[in-house]
Amino acid sequence: MATYFTKDHEWVRIDGDIATVGITDYAQSQLGDVVYVELPEIGKELKKGDEAAVVESVKAASEVFAPISGTVEGINAGLVDQPAAINEAAEGAGWFLRLVVADKGELSGLMDESTYRNYLETL
């Protein structure tokens, strides 16, 4: 599985035609303790850059943008009751949603892990 990153600190992991989306460990550390998550409805079509979810912490509220276009085929409903899972494992069990990928060509505009880690050093 390949993982890609955005400059807005979302990650997307590709497994066939399914993309799992979440926020990076860096993003969760900047937010602080996450207290609320709003997830999209299953079946919703998202275009790259659309608001896909909302996450609120003790510090701020922030939108999570769709890193690529696709149709929501699954959500991590457990986050609604346990939003702190994002703080515990942002790049694992704290995933937000799964998309059926509409256009794999959009992945070429995203960063690989090495490039993303280098990007973080510039912040």
PDB file of N, CA and C in Angstrom:
ATOM      1  N   MET A   1       0.839  -1.182   0.000  1.00  0.00           N
ATOM      2  CA  MET A   1       0.000   0.000   0.000  1.00  0.00           C
ATOM      3  C   MET A   1       0.881   1.241   0.000  1.00  0.00           C
ATOM      4  N   ALA A   2       0.560   2.156  -0.863  1.00  0.00           N
ATOM      5  CA  ALA A   2       1.297   3.416  -0.936  1.00  0.00           C
ATOM      6  C   ALA A   2       0.558   4.473  -0.119  1.00  0.00           C
ATOM      7  N   THR A   3       1.327   5.308   0.571  1.00  0.00           N
ATOM      8  CA  THR A   3       0.757   6.386   1.356  1.00  0.00           C
ATOM      9  C   THR A   3       1.249   7.711   0.796  1.00  0.00           C
ATOM     10  N   TYR A   4       0.330   8.657   0.681  1.00  0.00           N
ATOM     11  CA  TYR A   4       0.626   9.986   0.153  1.00  0.00           C
ATOM     12  C   TYR A   4       0.185  11.030   1.185  1.00  0.00           C
ATOM     13  N   PHE A   5       0.744  12.232   1.054  1.00  0.00           N
ATOM     14  CA  PHE A   5       0.475  13.288   2.023  1.00  0.00           C
ATOM     15  C   PHE A   5       0.181  14.602   1.292  1.00  0.00           C
ATOM     16  N   THR A   6      -0.598  15.456   1.990  1.00  0.00           N
ATOM     17  CA  THR A   6      -0.875  16.787   1.445  1.00  0.00           C
ATOM     18  C   THR A   6      -0.171  17.849   2.286  1.00  0.00           C
ATOM     19  N   LYS A   7      -0.077  19.051   1.758  1.00  0.00           N
ATOM     20  CA  LYS A   7       0.483  20.165   2.526  1.00  0.00           C
ATOM     21  C   LYS A   7      -0.456  20.592   3.647  1.00  0.00           C
ATOM     22  N   ASP A   8      -1.731  20.147   3.578  1.00  0.00           N
ATOM     23  CA  ASP A   8      -2.691  20.434   4.645  1.00  0.00           C
ATOM     24  C   ASP A   8      -2.640  19.363   5.731  1.00  0.00           C
ATOM     25  N   HIS A   9      -1.686  18.464   5.640  1.00  0.00           N
ATOM     26  CA  HIS A   9      -1.422  17.429   6.648  1.00  0.00           C
ATOM     27  C   HIS A   9      -2.486  16.339   6.723  1.00  0.00           C
ATOM     28  N   GLU A  10      -3.039  15.997   5.547  1.00  0.00           N
ATOM     29  CA  GLU A  10      -3.846  14.796   5.459  1.00  0.00           C
ATOM     30  C   GLU A  10      -2.971  13.704   4.859  1.00  0.00           C
ATOM     31  N   TRP A  11      -3.292  12.470   5.199  1.00  0.00           N
ATOM     32  CA  TRP A  11      -2.627  11.349   4.544  1.00  0.00           C
ATOM     33  C   TRP A  11      -3.693  10.530   3.828  1.00  0.00           C
ATOM     34  N   VAL A  12      -3.271   9.840   2.792  1.00  0.00           N
ATOM     35  CA  VAL A  12      -4.169   8.954   2.055  1.00  0.00           C
ATOM     36  C   VAL A  12      -3.385   7.692   1.699  1.00  0.00           C
ATOM     37  N   ARG A  13      -3.942   6.551   2.107  1.00  0.00           N
ATOM     38  CA  ARG A  13      -3.310   5.253   1.868  1.00  0.00           C
ATOM     39  C   ARG A  13      -4.137   4.511   0.826  1.00  0.00           C
ATOM     40  N   ILE A  14      -3.479   4.093  -0.228  1.00  0.00           N
ATOM     41  CA  ILE A  14      -4.164   3.470  -1.358  1.00  0.00           C
ATOM     42  C   ILE A  14      -4.022   1.956  -1.310  1.00  0.00           C
ATOM     43  N   ASP A  15      -5.154   1.266  -1.382  1.00  0.00           N
ATOM     44  CA  ASP A  15      -5.186  -0.194  -1.461  1.00  0.00           C
ATOM     45  C   ASP A  15      -6.148  -0.546  -2.596  1.00  0.00           C
ATOM     46  N   GLY A  16      -5.614  -0.790  -3.752  1.00  0.00           N
ATOM     47  CA  GLY A  16      -6.457  -1.044  -4.925  1.00  0.00           C
ATOM     48  C   GLY A  16      -7.183   0.227  -5.320  1.00  0.00           C
ATOM     49  N   ASP A  17      -8.516   0.155  -5.345  1.00  0.00           N
ATOM     50  CA  ASP A  17      -9.317   1.335  -5.682  1.00  0.00           C
ATOM     51  C   ASP A  17      -9.849   2.055  -4.444  1.00  0.00           C
ATOM     52  N   ILE A  18      -9.400   1.646  -3.257  1.00  0.00           N
ATOM     53  CA  ILE A  18      -9.872   2.240  -2.005  1.00  0.00           C
ATOM     54  C   ILE A  18      -8.782   3.115  -1.401  1.00  0.00           C
ATOM     55  N   ALA A  19      -9.176   4.311  -1.001  1.00  0.00           N
ATOM     56  CA  ALA A  19      -8.258   5.260  -0.354  1.00  0.00           C
ATOM     57  C   ALA A  19      -8.733   5.493   1.075  1.00  0.00           C
ATOM     58  N   THR A  20      -7.860   5.242   2.035  1.00  0.00           N
ATOM     59  CA  THR A  20      -8.155   5.538   3.435  1.00  0.00           C
ATOM     60  C   THR A  20      -7.523   6.887   3.754  1.00  0.00           C
ATOM     61  N   VAL A  21      -8.293   7.759   4.413  1.00  0.00           N
ATOM     62  CA  VAL A  21      -7.869   9.145   4.632  1.00  0.00           C
ATOM     63  C   VAL A  21      -7.860   9.470   6.121  1.00  0.00           C
ATOM     64  N   GLY A  22      -6.842  10.206   6.532  1.00  0.00           N
ATOM     65  CA  GLY A  22      -6.770  10.689   7.914  1.00  0.00           C
ATOM     66  C   GLY A  22      -5.897  11.920   7.977  1.00  0.00           C
ATOM     67  N   ILE A  23      -5.649  12.394   9.202  1.00  0.00           N
ATOM     68  CA  ILE A  23      -4.721  13.508   9.377  1.00  0.00           C
ATOM     69  C   ILE A  23      -3.411  12.956   9.914  1.00  0.00           C
ATOM     70  N   THR A  24      -2.354  13.701   9.689  1.00  0.00           N
ATOM     71  CA  THR A  24      -1.030  13.218  10.078  1.00  0.00           C
ATOM     72  C   THR A  24      -0.800  13.393  11.581  1.00  0.00           C
ATOM     73  N   ASP A  25       0.233  12.729  12.046  1.00  0.00           N
ATOM     74  CA  ASP A  25       0.620  12.869  13.442  1.00  0.00           C
ATOM     75  C   ASP A  25       0.987  14.320  13.736  1.00  0.00           C
ATOM     76  N   TYR A  26       1.617  14.975  12.777  1.00  0.00           N
ATOM     77  CA  TYR A  26       1.959  16.391  12.942  1.00  0.00           C
ATOM     78  C   TYR A  26       0.679  17.214  13.162  1.00  0.00           C
ATOM     79  N   ALA A  27      -0.349  16.969  12.355  1.00  0.00           N
ATOM     80  CA  ALA A  27      -1.596  17.733  12.471  1.00  0.00           C
ATOM     81  C   ALA A  27      -2.243  17.520  13.830  1.00  0.00           C
ATOM     82  N   GLN A  28      -2.308  16.274  14.274  1.00  0.00           N
ATOM     83  CA  GLN A  28      -2.950  16.026  15.581  1.00  0.00           C
ATOM     84  C   GLN A  28      -2.149  16.657  16.702  1.00  0.00           C
ATOM     85  N   SER A  29      -0.834  16.706  16.570  1.00  0.00           N
ATOM     86  CA  SER A  29      -0.026  17.327  17.623  1.00  0.00           C
ATOM     87  C   SER A  29      -0.242  18.835  17.655  1.00  0.00           C
ATOM     88  N   GLN A  30      -0.490  19.433  16.486  1.00  0.00           N
ATOM     89  CA  GLN A  30      -0.765  20.868  16.428  1.00  0.00           C
ATOM     90  C   GLN A  30      -2.154  21.190  16.986  1.00  0.00           C
ATOM     91  N   LEU A  31      -3.108  20.270  16.786  1.00  0.00           N
ATOM     92  CA  LEU A  31      -4.466  20.494  17.281  1.00  0.00           C
ATOM     93  C   LEU A  31      -4.558  20.348  18.793  1.00  0.00           C
ATOM     94  N   GLY A  32      -3.811  19.436  19.357  1.00  0.00           N
ATOM     95  CA  GLY A  32      -3.957  19.120  20.768  1.00  0.00           C
ATOM     96  C   GLY A  32      -5.044  18.077  20.956  1.00  0.00           C
ATOM     97  N   ASP A  33      -5.612  18.017  22.139  1.00  0.00           N
ATOM     98  CA  ASP A  33      -6.603  16.983  22.445  1.00  0.00           C
ATOM     99  C   ASP A  33      -7.853  17.147  21.592  1.00  0.00           C
ATOM    100  N   VAL A  34      -8.136  16.141  20.768  1.00  0.00           N
ATOM    101  CA  VAL A  34      -9.311  16.170  19.896  1.00  0.00           C
ATOM    102  C   VAL A  34     -10.542  15.807  20.716  1.00  0.00           C
ATOM    103  N   VAL A  35     -11.599  16.631  20.592  1.00  0.00           N
ATOM    104  CA  VAL A  35     -12.800  16.424  21.400  1.00  0.00           C
ATOM    105  C   VAL A  35     -14.049  16.141  20.572  1.00  0.00           C
ATOM    106  N   TYR A  36     -13.977  16.336  19.245  1.00  0.00           N
ATOM    107  CA  TYR A  36     -15.166  16.155  18.409  1.00  0.00           C
ATOM    108  C   TYR A  36     -14.740  15.896  16.973  1.00  0.00           C
ATOM    109  N   VAL A  37     -15.461  15.008  16.317  1.00  0.00           N
ATOM    110  CA  VAL A  37     -15.205  14.722  14.909  1.00  0.00           C
ATOM    111  C   VAL A  37     -16.540  14.642  14.180  1.00  0.00           C
ATOM    112  N   GLU A  38     -16.634  15.280  13.029  1.00  0.00           N
ATOM    113  CA  GLU A  38     -17.812  15.185  12.165  1.00  0.00           C
ATOM    114  C   GLU A  38     -17.366  14.504  10.889  1.00  0.00           C
ATOM    115  N   LEU A  39     -18.008  13.410  10.558  1.00  0.00           N
ATOM    116  CA  LEU A  39     -17.620  12.616   9.397  1.00  0.00           C
ATOM    117  C   LEU A  39     -18.669  12.730   8.295  1.00  0.00           C
ATOM    118  N   PRO A  40     -18.293  12.499   7.049  1.00  0.00           N
ATOM    119  CA  PRO A  40     -19.258  12.609   5.935  1.00  0.00           C
ATOM    120  C   PRO A  40     -20.195  11.398   5.904  1.00  0.00           C
ATOM    121  N   GLU A  41     -21.272  11.550   5.155  1.00  0.00           N
ATOM    122  CA  GLU A  41     -22.201  10.440   4.965  1.00  0.00           C
ATOM    123  C   GLU A  41     -21.642   9.465   3.935  1.00  0.00           C
ATOM    124  N   ILE A  42     -21.900   8.204   4.162  1.00  0.00           N
ATOM    125  CA  ILE A  42     -21.513   7.191   3.185  1.00  0.00           C
ATOM    126  C   ILE A  42     -22.290   7.452   1.898  1.00  0.00           C
ATOM    127  N   GLY A  43     -21.594   7.362   0.791  1.00  0.00           N
ATOM    128  CA  GLY A  43     -22.195   7.620  -0.511  1.00  0.00           C
ATOM    129  C   GLY A  43     -21.953   9.030  -1.020  1.00  0.00           C
ATOM    130  N   LYS A  44     -21.470   9.906  -0.162  1.00  0.00           N
ATOM    131  CA  LYS A  44     -21.199  11.285  -0.579  1.00  0.00           C
ATOM    132  C   LYS A  44     -20.037  11.307  -1.561  1.00  0.00           C
ATOM    133  N   GLU A  45     -20.207  12.069  -2.612  1.00  0.00           N
ATOM    134  CA  GLU A  45     -19.126  12.229  -3.588  1.00  0.00           C
ATOM    135  C   GLU A  45     -18.314  13.458  -3.238  1.00  0.00           C
ATOM    136  N   LEU A  46     -17.019  13.289  -3.172  1.00  0.00           N
ATOM    137  CA  LEU A  46     -16.106  14.377  -2.829  1.00  0.00           C
ATOM    138  C   LEU A  46     -15.162  14.623  -3.983  1.00  0.00           C
ATOM    139  N   LYS A  47     -14.946  15.892  -4.253  1.00  0.00           N
ATOM    140  CA  LYS A  47     -13.925  16.264  -5.233  1.00  0.00           C
ATOM    141  C   LYS A  47     -12.676  16.638  -4.450  1.00  0.00           C
ATOM    142  N   LYS A  48     -11.540  16.493  -5.067  1.00  0.00           N
ATOM    143  CA  LYS A  48     -10.280  16.853  -4.442  1.00  0.00           C
ATOM    144  C   LYS A  48     -10.381  18.278  -3.900  1.00  0.00           C
ATOM    145  N   GLY A  49     -10.058  18.441  -2.611  1.00  0.00           N
ATOM    146  CA  GLY A  49     -10.097  19.758  -1.983  1.00  0.00           C
ATOM    147  C   GLY A  49     -11.393  20.077  -1.266  1.00  0.00           C
ATOM    148  N   ASP A  50     -12.442  19.252  -1.472  1.00  0.00           N
ATOM    149  CA  ASP A  50     -13.707  19.457  -0.758  1.00  0.00           C
ATOM    150  C   ASP A  50     -13.511  19.171   0.730  1.00  0.00           C
ATOM    151  N   GLU A  51     -14.350  19.809   1.560  1.00  0.00           N
ATOM    152  CA  GLU A  51     -14.346  19.489   2.977  1.00  0.00           C
ATOM    153  C   GLU A  51     -14.878  18.079   3.153  1.00  0.00           C
ATOM    154  N   ALA A  52     -14.086  17.227   3.767  1.00  0.00           N
ATOM    155  CA  ALA A  52     -14.480  15.840   3.955  1.00  0.00           C
ATOM    156  C   ALA A  52     -14.919  15.561   5.384  1.00  0.00           C
ATOM    157  N   ALA A  53     -14.375  16.300   6.332  1.00  0.00           N
ATOM    158  CA  ALA A  53     -14.686  16.078   7.743  1.00  0.00           C
ATOM    159  C   ALA A  53     -14.307  17.330   8.518  1.00  0.00           C
ATOM    160  N   VAL A  54     -14.750  17.372   9.766  1.00  0.00           N
ATOM    161  CA  VAL A  54     -14.382  18.466  10.664  1.00  0.00           C
ATOM    162  C   VAL A  54     -13.839  17.842  11.935  1.00  0.00           C
ATOM    163  N   VAL A  55     -12.775  18.420  12.444  1.00  0.00           N
ATOM    164  CA  VAL A  55     -12.200  17.938  13.694  1.00  0.00           C
ATOM    165  C   VAL A  55     -12.039  19.142  14.618  1.00  0.00           C
ATOM    166  N   GLU A  56     -12.476  18.970  15.861  1.00  0.00           N
ATOM    167  CA  GLU A  56     -12.347  20.040  16.847  1.00  0.00           C
ATOM    168  C   GLU A  56     -11.501  19.551  18.006  1.00  0.00           C
ATOM    169  N   SER A  57     -10.666  20.456  18.472  1.00  0.00           N
ATOM    170  CA  SER A  57      -9.820  20.137  19.614  1.00  0.00           C
ATOM    171  C   SER A  57     -10.005  21.204  20.681  1.00  0.00           C
ATOM    172  N   VAL A  58      -9.273  21.067  21.756  1.00  0.00           N
ATOM    173  CA  VAL A  58      -9.341  22.074  22.802  1.00  0.00           C
ATOM    174  C   VAL A  58      -8.771  23.398  22.316  1.00  0.00           C
ATOM    175  N   LYS A  59      -7.977  23.371  21.241  1.00  0.00           N
ATOM    176  CA  LYS A  59      -7.351  24.577  20.707  1.00  0.00           C
ATOM    177  C   LYS A  59      -8.130  25.219  19.563  1.00  0.00           C
ATOM    178  N   ALA A  60      -8.694  24.390  18.672  1.00  0.00           N
ATOM    179  CA  ALA A  60      -9.277  24.946  17.444  1.00  0.00           C
ATOM    180  C   ALA A  60     -10.158  23.917  16.742  1.00  0.00           C
ATOM    181  N   ALA A  61     -10.914  24.414  15.767  1.00  0.00           N
ATOM    182  CA  ALA A  61     -11.652  23.531  14.858  1.00  0.00           C
ATOM    183  C   ALA A  61     -10.955  23.607  13.508  1.00  0.00           C
ATOM    184  N   SER A  62     -10.955  22.508  12.782  1.00  0.00           N
ATOM    185  CA  SER A  62     -10.261  22.473  11.505  1.00  0.00           C
ATOM    186  C   SER A  62     -10.991  21.554  10.546  1.00  0.00           C
ATOM    187  N   GLU A  63     -10.968  21.920   9.264  1.00  0.00           N
ATOM    188  CA  GLU A  63     -11.549  21.066   8.249  1.00  0.00           C
ATOM    189  C   GLU A  63     -10.502  20.065   7.783  1.00  0.00           C
ATOM    190  N   VAL A  64     -11.002  18.902   7.402  1.00  0.00           N
ATOM    191  CA  VAL A  64     -10.165  17.892   6.763  1.00  0.00           C
ATOM    192  C   VAL A  64     -10.615  17.840   5.314  1.00  0.00           C
ATOM    193  N   PHE A  65      -9.698  18.099   4.404  1.00  0.00           N
ATOM    194  CA  PHE A  65     -10.042  18.164   2.989  1.00  0.00           C
ATOM    195  C   PHE A  65      -9.780  16.831   2.297  1.00  0.00           C
ATOM    196  N   ALA A  66     -10.584  16.540   1.304  1.00  0.00           N
ATOM    197  CA  ALA A  66     -10.387  15.325   0.510  1.00  0.00           C
ATOM    198  C   ALA A  66      -9.092  15.476  -0.293  1.00  0.00           C
ATOM    199  N   PRO A  67      -8.112  14.609  -0.073  1.00  0.00           N
ATOM    200  CA  PRO A  67      -6.856  14.727  -0.820  1.00  0.00           C
ATOM    201  C   PRO A  67      -6.995  14.311  -2.283  1.00  0.00           C
ATOM    202  N   ILE A  68      -8.020  13.519  -2.569  1.00  0.00           N
ATOM    203  CA  ILE A  68      -8.321  13.103  -3.931  1.00  0.00           C
ATOM    204  C   ILE A  68      -9.845  12.996  -4.061  1.00  0.00           C
ATOM    205  N   SER A  69     -10.317  12.906  -5.272  1.00  0.00           N
ATOM    206  CA  SER A  69     -11.754  12.763  -5.510  1.00  0.00           C
ATOM    207  C   SER A  69     -12.181  11.315  -5.337  1.00  0.00           C
ATOM    208  N   GLY A  70     -13.431  11.161  -4.888  1.00  0.00           N
ATOM    209  CA  GLY A  70     -13.953   9.809  -4.750  1.00  0.00           C
ATOM    210  C   GLY A  70     -15.291   9.801  -4.045  1.00  0.00           C
ATOM    211  N   THR A  71     -15.846   8.615  -3.894  1.00  0.00           N
ATOM    212  CA  THR A  71     -17.119   8.412  -3.214  1.00  0.00           C
ATOM    213  C   THR A  71     -16.859   7.756  -1.864  1.00  0.00           C
ATOM    214  N   VAL A  72     -17.447   8.344  -0.817  1.00  0.00           N
ATOM    215  CA  VAL A  72     -17.260   7.807   0.531  1.00  0.00           C
ATOM    216  C   VAL A  72     -17.905   6.431   0.597  1.00  0.00           C
ATOM    217  N   GLU A  73     -17.098   5.421   0.882  1.00  0.00           N
ATOM    218  CA  GLU A  73     -17.637   4.065   1.006  1.00  0.00           C
ATOM    219  C   GLU A  73     -17.561   3.544   2.430  1.00  0.00           C
ATOM    220  N   GLY A  74     -16.910   4.295   3.324  1.00  0.00           N
ATOM    221  CA  GLY A  74     -16.835   3.889   4.720  1.00  0.00           C
ATOM    222  C   GLY A  74     -16.342   5.031   5.586  1.00  0.00           C
ATOM    223  N   ILE A  75     -16.768   5.021   6.844  1.00  0.00           N
ATOM    224  CA  ILE A  75     -16.290   6.010   7.811  1.00  0.00           C
ATOM    225  C   ILE A  75     -15.843   5.279   9.064  1.00  0.00           C
ATOM    226  N   ASN A  76     -14.982   5.910   9.827  1.00  0.00           N
ATOM    227  CA  ASN A  76     -14.520   5.349  11.088  1.00  0.00           C
ATOM    228  C   ASN A  76     -15.472   5.854  12.174  1.00  0.00           C
ATOM    229  N   ALA A  77     -16.654   5.239  12.256  1.00  0.00           N
ATOM    230  CA  ALA A  77     -17.704   5.704  13.158  1.00  0.00           C
ATOM    231  C   ALA A  77     -17.256   5.707  14.617  1.00  0.00           C
ATOM    232  N   GLY A  78     -16.294   4.895  14.957  1.00  0.00           N
ATOM    233  CA  GLY A  78     -15.801   4.858  16.327  1.00  0.00           C
ATOM    234  C   GLY A  78     -15.203   6.182  16.773  1.00  0.00           C
ATOM    235  N   LEU A  79     -14.766   6.999  15.824  1.00  0.00           N
ATOM    236  CA  LEU A  79     -14.182   8.297  16.184  1.00  0.00           C
ATOM    237  C   LEU A  79     -15.212   9.237  16.813  1.00  0.00           C
ATOM    238  N   VAL A  80     -16.480   9.063  16.472  1.00  0.00           N
ATOM    239  CA  VAL A  80     -17.512   9.936  17.021  1.00  0.00           C
ATOM    240  C   VAL A  80     -17.568   9.786  18.544  1.00  0.00           C
ATOM    241  N   ASP A  81     -17.486   8.545  19.018  1.00  0.00           N
ATOM    242  CA  ASP A  81     -17.517   8.295  20.462  1.00  0.00           C
ATOM    243  C   ASP A  81     -16.137   8.387  21.097  1.00  0.00           C
ATOM    244  N   GLN A  82     -15.100   8.161  20.312  1.00  0.00           N
ATOM    245  CA  GLN A  82     -13.735   8.143  20.835  1.00  0.00           C
ATOM    246  C   GLN A  82     -12.828   9.028  19.977  1.00  0.00           C
ATOM    247  N   PRO A  83     -13.084  10.339  19.939  1.00  0.00           N
ATOM    248  CA  PRO A  83     -12.251  11.199  19.093  1.00  0.00           C
ATOM    249  C   PRO A  83     -10.783  11.225  19.517  1.00  0.00           C
ATOM    250  N   ALA A  84     -10.500  10.879  20.755  1.00  0.00           N
ATOM    251  CA  ALA A  84      -9.105  10.857  21.221  1.00  0.00           C
ATOM    252  C   ALA A  84      -8.278   9.805  20.493  1.00  0.00           C
ATOM    253  N   ALA A  85      -8.933   8.880  19.793  1.00  0.00           N
ATOM    254  CA  ALA A  85      -8.191   7.882  19.006  1.00  0.00           C
ATOM    255  C   ALA A  85      -7.311   8.567  17.967  1.00  0.00           C
ATOM    256  N   ILE A  86      -7.708   9.753  17.548  1.00  0.00           N
ATOM    257  CA  ILE A  86      -6.894  10.506  16.586  1.00  0.00           C
ATOM    258  C   ILE A  86      -5.563  10.899  17.222  1.00  0.00           C
ATOM    259  N   ASN A  87      -5.599  11.308  18.478  1.00  0.00           N
ATOM    260  CA  ASN A  87      -4.362  11.675  19.167  1.00  0.00           C
ATOM    261  C   ASN A  87      -3.473  10.458  19.411  1.00  0.00           C
ATOM    262  N   GLU A  88      -4.101   9.323  19.611  1.00  0.00           N
ATOM    263  CA  GLU A  88      -3.352   8.109  19.941  1.00  0.00           C
ATOM    264  C   GLU A  88      -2.732   7.451  18.718  1.00  0.00           C
ATOM    265  N   ALA A  89      -3.411   7.528  17.579  1.00  0.00           N
ATOM    266  CA  ALA A  89      -2.911   6.842  16.379  1.00  0.00           C
ATOM    267  C   ALA A  89      -3.438   7.528  15.124  1.00  0.00           C
ATOM    268  N   ALA A  90      -2.999   8.766  14.903  1.00  0.00           N
ATOM    269  CA  ALA A  90      -3.520   9.558  13.785  1.00  0.00           C
ATOM    270  C   ALA A  90      -3.290   8.890  12.432  1.00  0.00           C
ATOM    271  N   GLU A  91      -2.160   8.208  12.307  1.00  0.00           N
ATOM    272  CA  GLU A  91      -1.840   7.617  11.008  1.00  0.00           C
ATOM    273  C   GLU A  91      -2.126   6.117  10.983  1.00  0.00           C
ATOM    274  N   GLY A  92      -2.993   5.681  11.888  1.00  0.00           N
ATOM    275  CA  GLY A  92      -3.374   4.266  11.948  1.00  0.00           C
ATOM    276  C   GLY A  92      -4.857   4.153  12.266  1.00  0.00           C
ATOM    277  N   ALA A  93      -5.181   3.729  13.496  1.00  0.00           N
ATOM    278  CA  ALA A  93      -6.566   3.513  13.904  1.00  0.00           C
ATOM    279  C   ALA A  93      -7.400   4.784  13.911  1.00  0.00           C
ATOM    280  N   GLY A  94      -6.766   5.947  13.832  1.00  0.00           N
ATOM    281  CA  GLY A  94      -7.491   7.212  13.836  1.00  0.00           C
ATOM    282  C   GLY A  94      -7.885   7.705  12.456  1.00  0.00           C
ATOM    283  N   TRP A  95      -7.971   6.804  11.481  1.00  0.00           N
ATOM    284  CA  TRP A  95      -8.382   7.200  10.139  1.00  0.00           C
ATOM    285  C   TRP A  95      -9.808   7.743  10.151  1.00  0.00           C
ATOM    286  N   PHE A  96     -10.158   8.558   9.146  1.00  0.00           N
ATOM    287  CA  PHE A  96     -11.464   9.220   9.107  1.00  0.00           C
ATOM    288  C   PHE A  96     -12.454   8.532   8.175  1.00  0.00           C
ATOM    289  N   LEU A  97     -12.034   8.306   6.931  1.00  0.00           N
ATOM    290  CA  LEU A  97     -12.972   7.801   5.929  1.00  0.00           C
ATOM    291  C   LEU A  97     -12.258   7.015   4.846  1.00  0.00           C
ATOM    292  N   ARG A  98     -13.054   6.248   4.121  1.00  0.00           N
ATOM    293  CA  ARG A  98     -12.536   5.506   2.969  1.00  0.00           C
ATOM    294  C   ARG A  98     -13.307   5.949   1.735  1.00  0.00           C
ATOM    295  N   LEU A  99     -12.554   6.174   0.665  1.00  0.00           N
ATOM    296  CA  LEU A  99     -13.128   6.598  -0.607  1.00  0.00           C
ATOM    297  C   LEU A  99     -12.898   5.544  -1.676  1.00  0.00           C
ATOM    298  N   VAL A 100     -13.852   5.399  -2.574  1.00  0.00           N
ATOM    299  CA  VAL A 100     -13.605   4.692  -3.821  1.00  0.00           C
ATOM    300  C   VAL A 100     -12.961   5.724  -4.736  1.00  0.00           C
ATOM    301  N   VAL A 101     -11.737   5.485  -5.122  1.00  0.00           N
ATOM    302  CA  VAL A 101     -10.947   6.463  -5.866  1.00  0.00           C
ATOM    303  C   VAL A 101     -11.578   6.731  -7.234  1.00  0.00           C
ATOM    304  N   ALA A 102     -11.760   8.022  -7.538  1.00  0.00           N
ATOM    305  CA  ALA A 102     -12.334   8.403  -8.828  1.00  0.00           C
ATOM    306  C   ALA A 102     -11.265   8.563  -9.902  1.00  0.00           C
ATOM    307  N   ASP A 103     -10.082   9.044  -9.499  1.00  0.00           N
ATOM    308  CA  ASP A 103      -9.037   9.331 -10.487  1.00  0.00           C
ATOM    309  C   ASP A 103      -7.664   9.182  -9.835  1.00  0.00           C
ATOM    310  N   LYS A 104      -7.016   8.056 -10.077  1.00  0.00           N
ATOM    311  CA  LYS A 104      -5.700   7.821  -9.474  1.00  0.00           C
ATOM    312  C   LYS A 104      -4.652   8.820  -9.981  1.00  0.00           C
ATOM    313  N   GLY A 105      -4.939   9.476 -11.071  1.00  0.00           N
ATOM    314  CA  GLY A 105      -4.023  10.480 -11.588  1.00  0.00           C
ATOM    315  C   GLY A 105      -3.818  11.636 -10.616  1.00  0.00           C
ATOM    316  N   GLU A 106      -4.807  11.874  -9.731  1.00  0.00           N
ATOM    317  CA  GLU A 106      -4.686  12.957  -8.751  1.00  0.00           C
ATOM    318  C   GLU A 106      -3.600  12.666  -7.716  1.00  0.00           C
ATOM    319  N   LEU A 107      -3.212  11.418  -7.584  1.00  0.00           N
ATOM    320  CA  LEU A 107      -2.173  11.063  -6.603  1.00  0.00           C
ATOM    321  C   LEU A 107      -0.831  11.679  -6.972  1.00  0.00           C
ATOM    322  N   SER A 108      -0.628  11.957  -8.243  1.00  0.00           N
ATOM    323  CA  SER A 108       0.666  12.496  -8.676  1.00  0.00           C
ATOM    324  C   SER A 108       0.928  13.887  -8.099  1.00  0.00           C
ATOM    325  N   GLY A 109      -0.110  14.574  -7.646  1.00  0.00           N
ATOM    326  CA  GLY A 109       0.061  15.895  -7.053  1.00  0.00           C
ATOM    327  C   GLY A 109       0.348  15.870  -5.559  1.00  0.00           C
ATOM    328  N   LEU A 110       0.415  14.672  -4.979  1.00  0.00           N
ATOM    329  CA  LEU A 110       0.632  14.538  -3.539  1.00  0.00           C
ATOM    330  C   LEU A 110       2.080  14.156  -3.254  1.00  0.00           C
ATOM    331  N   MET A 111       2.475  14.258  -1.988  1.00  0.00           N
ATOM    332  CA  MET A 111       3.846  13.957  -1.585  1.00  0.00           C
ATOM    333  C   MET A 111       3.964  12.520  -1.075  1.00  0.00           C
ATOM    334  N   ASP A 112       5.132  11.907  -1.330  1.00  0.00           N
ATOM    335  CA  ASP A 112       5.403  10.628  -0.674  1.00  0.00           C
ATOM    336  C   ASP A 112       5.899  10.924   0.743  1.00  0.00           C
ATOM    337  N   GLU A 113       6.125   9.902   1.544  1.00  0.00           N
ATOM    338  CA  GLU A 113       6.462  10.109   2.948  1.00  0.00           C
ATOM    339  C   GLU A 113       7.764  10.889   3.113  1.00  0.00           C
ATOM    340  N   SER A 114       8.775  10.553   2.338  1.00  0.00           N
ATOM    341  CA  SER A 114      10.064  11.230   2.445  1.00  0.00           C
ATOM    342  C   SER A 114       9.925  12.721   2.128  1.00  0.00           C
ATOM    343  N   THR A 115       9.193  13.029   1.083  1.00  0.00           N
ATOM    344  CA  THR A 115       8.995  14.428   0.696  1.00  0.00           C
ATOM    345  C   THR A 115       8.200  15.167   1.768  1.00  0.00           C
ATOM    346  N   TYR A 116       7.198  14.492   2.330  1.00  0.00           N
ATOM    347  CA  TYR A 116       6.400  15.117   3.390  1.00  0.00           C
ATOM    348  C   TYR A 116       7.257  15.405   4.619  1.00  0.00           C
ATOM    349  N   ARG A 117       8.095  14.457   5.016  1.00  0.00           N
ATOM    350  CA  ARG A 117       8.958  14.677   6.194  1.00  0.00           C
ATOM    351  C   ARG A 117       9.915  15.850   5.934  1.00  0.00           C
ATOM    352  N   ASN A 118      10.416  15.954   4.730  1.00  0.00           N
ATOM    353  CA  ASN A 118      11.265  17.102   4.384  1.00  0.00           C
ATOM    354  C   ASN A 118      10.460  18.401   4.437  1.00  0.00           C
ATOM    355  N   TYR A 119       9.215  18.346   3.976  1.00  0.00           N
ATOM    356  CA  TYR A 119       8.332  19.511   4.020  1.00  0.00           C
ATOM    357  C   TYR A 119       8.128  19.976   5.465  1.00  0.00           C
ATOM    358  N   LEU A 120       7.930  19.040   6.382  1.00  0.00           N
ATOM    359  CA  LEU A 120       7.724  19.398   7.790  1.00  0.00           C
ATOM    360  C   LEU A 120       8.915  20.169   8.347  1.00  0.00           C
ATOM    361  N   GLU A 121      10.108  19.853   7.883  1.00  0.00           N
ATOM    362  CA  GLU A 121      11.300  20.535   8.382  1.00  0.00           C
ATOM    363  C   GLU A 121      11.359  21.993   7.933  1.00  0.00           C
ATOM    364  N   THR A 122      10.558  22.342   6.937  1.00  0.00           N
ATOM    365  CA  THR A 122      10.548  23.731   6.461  1.00  0.00           C
ATOM    366  C   THR A 122       9.535  24.588   7.221  1.00  0.00           C
ATOM    367  N   LEU A 123       8.714  23.949   8.053  1.00  0.00           N
ATOM    368  CA  LEU A 123       7.651  24.698   8.753  1.00  0.00           C
ATOM    369  C   LEU A 123       8.160  25.346  10.017  1.00  0.00           C
TER     370      LEU A 123
END
